[in-house]
């Protein structure tokens, strides 16, 4: 489980936002047995929370798995031109260049 959605934040309103997705970190076997989950919260710190405060988030790694077939991004003309120039120099399509850039930065799990 890499990402979770907050479904309860009683007592932790400053650290957790209802409905927000958070990244998790590995827990020890003892922490797991105690029903705890290590989450990077709103303060950017990892903290142990009760697992009941979260639900797992399914991460789709291919568009066909999520039903998503397209993503539209509106860019200022100058940025769009720069992207096109970069893609041309790399002998790639603009969409391939953007997709690679996103993949490099998101660090999504491999399927």
Protein backbone atom coordinates (compact mmCIF):
# COMPACT_ATOMS: atom_id res chain seq x y z
CA UNK A 1 0.00 0.00 0.00
CA UNK A 2 1.68 3.20 -1.18
CA UNK A 3 -1.20 5.67 -1.02
CA UNK A 4 -4.19 6.02 1.26
CA UNK A 5 -7.21 8.33 1.46
CA UNK A 6 -8.12 9.88 4.80
CA UNK A 7 -11.62 8.78 5.86
CA UNK A 8 -11.43 9.94 9.50
CA UNK A 9 -9.42 12.71 11.17
CA UNK A 10 -10.95 13.13 14.64
CA UNK A 11 -8.22 14.46 16.90
CA UNK A 12 -5.87 15.10 13.98
CA UNK A 13 -7.64 17.87 12.05
CA UNK A 14 -4.42 19.89 11.72
CA UNK A 15 -2.45 16.92 10.40
CA UNK A 16 -5.02 15.06 8.29
CA UNK A 17 -7.60 16.34 5.84
CA UNK A 18 -10.70 14.28 5.08
CA UNK A 19 -10.61 12.87 1.54
CA UNK A 20 -6.99 13.83 0.95
CA UNK A 21 -4.56 11.22 -0.41
CA UNK A 22 -1.38 10.58 1.54
CA UNK A 23 1.76 8.60 0.87
CA UNK A 24 2.66 5.82 3.29
CA UNK A 25 6.01 4.51 4.43
CA UNK A 26 6.93 0.97 5.51
CA UNK A 27 5.93 -0.10 9.01
CA UNK A 28 7.46 -2.66 11.30
CA UNK A 29 5.70 -5.98 11.93
CA UNK A 30 4.83 -4.77 15.44
CA UNK A 31 3.28 -1.54 14.12
CA UNK A 32 1.22 -3.54 11.60
CA UNK A 33 0.01 -5.95 14.33
CA UNK A 34 -1.09 -2.93 16.36
CA UNK A 35 -3.13 -1.64 13.39
CA UNK A 36 -0.88 1.33 12.73
CA UNK A 37 0.07 2.92 9.44
CA UNK A 38 3.02 5.29 8.87
CA UNK A 39 1.75 8.27 6.86
CA UNK A 40 3.41 11.47 5.64
CA UNK A 41 0.89 13.99 6.96
CA UNK A 42 0.07 17.65 6.16
CA UNK A 43 3.14 18.80 8.06
CA UNK A 44 5.39 16.70 5.83
CA UNK A 45 6.36 14.43 8.72
CA UNK A 46 5.83 10.70 8.90
CA UNK A 47 3.65 9.71 11.82
CA UNK A 48 1.92 6.54 12.98
CA UNK A 49 -1.87 6.68 12.68
CA UNK A 50 -4.59 4.15 13.28
CA UNK A 51 -5.17 2.23 10.05
CA UNK A 52 -8.94 2.82 10.46
CA UNK A 53 -8.38 6.48 9.56
CA UNK A 54 -7.54 5.52 5.97
CA UNK A 55 -8.61 3.46 3.01
CA UNK A 56 -6.22 2.16 0.36
CA UNK A 57 -6.02 4.00 -2.96
CA UNK A 58 -5.64 1.93 -6.11
CA UNK A 59 -2.96 3.39 -8.36
CA UNK A 60 -3.49 2.72 -12.04
CA UNK A 61 -0.30 2.50 -14.05
CA UNK A 62 -1.87 2.17 -17.49
CA UNK A 63 -4.63 4.36 -18.88
CA UNK A 64 -6.64 1.29 -19.91
CA UNK A 65 -6.83 0.09 -16.28
CA UNK A 66 -8.46 3.28 -15.04
CA UNK A 67 -10.68 3.95 -18.03
CA UNK A 68 -8.73 7.18 -18.59
CA UNK A 69 -7.97 7.62 -22.25
CA UNK A 70 -6.79 11.22 -22.39
CA UNK A 71 -5.48 14.04 -20.28
CA UNK A 72 -5.78 17.63 -21.44
CA UNK A 73 -3.31 20.22 -20.21
CA UNK A 74 -3.71 23.87 -21.12
CA UNK A 75 -0.37 25.64 -21.41
CA UNK A 76 0.58 29.18 -22.32
CA UNK A 77 1.71 29.36 -25.99
CA UNK A 78 5.35 30.03 -25.06
CA UNK A 79 5.57 26.95 -22.79
CA UNK A 80 3.85 24.83 -25.43
CA UNK A 81 6.41 25.99 -28.00
CA UNK A 82 9.28 25.19 -25.65
CA UNK A 83 7.89 21.69 -25.07
CA UNK A 84 7.54 21.16 -28.82
CA UNK A 85 11.13 22.33 -29.38
CA UNK A 86 12.39 19.96 -26.65
CA UNK A 87 10.42 17.07 -28.14
CA UNK A 88 11.75 17.79 -31.62
CA UNK A 89 15.33 17.90 -30.32
CA UNK A 90 14.79 14.57 -28.53
CA UNK A 91 13.19 13.00 -31.62
CA UNK A 92 10.02 12.30 -29.66
CA UNK A 93 6.42 13.40 -29.73
CA UNK A 94 5.42 16.08 -27.26
CA UNK A 95 3.04 13.67 -25.50
CA UNK A 96 5.82 11.07 -25.13
CA UNK A 97 8.15 13.69 -23.67
CA UNK A 98 5.50 14.83 -21.15
CA UNK A 99 4.58 11.23 -20.26
CA UNK A 100 8.24 10.39 -19.58
CA UNK A 101 8.64 13.52 -17.47
CA UNK A 102 5.60 12.58 -15.36
CA UNK A 103 6.75 8.96 -14.99
CA UNK A 104 10.20 10.08 -13.80
CA UNK A 105 8.76 12.33 -11.12
CA UNK A 106 5.80 10.35 -9.79
CA UNK A 107 7.69 7.15 -8.99
CA UNK A 108 4.55 5.04 -9.39
CA UNK A 109 4.76 1.34 -8.61
CA UNK A 110 5.52 -0.96 -11.56
CA UNK A 111 2.95 -3.51 -12.61
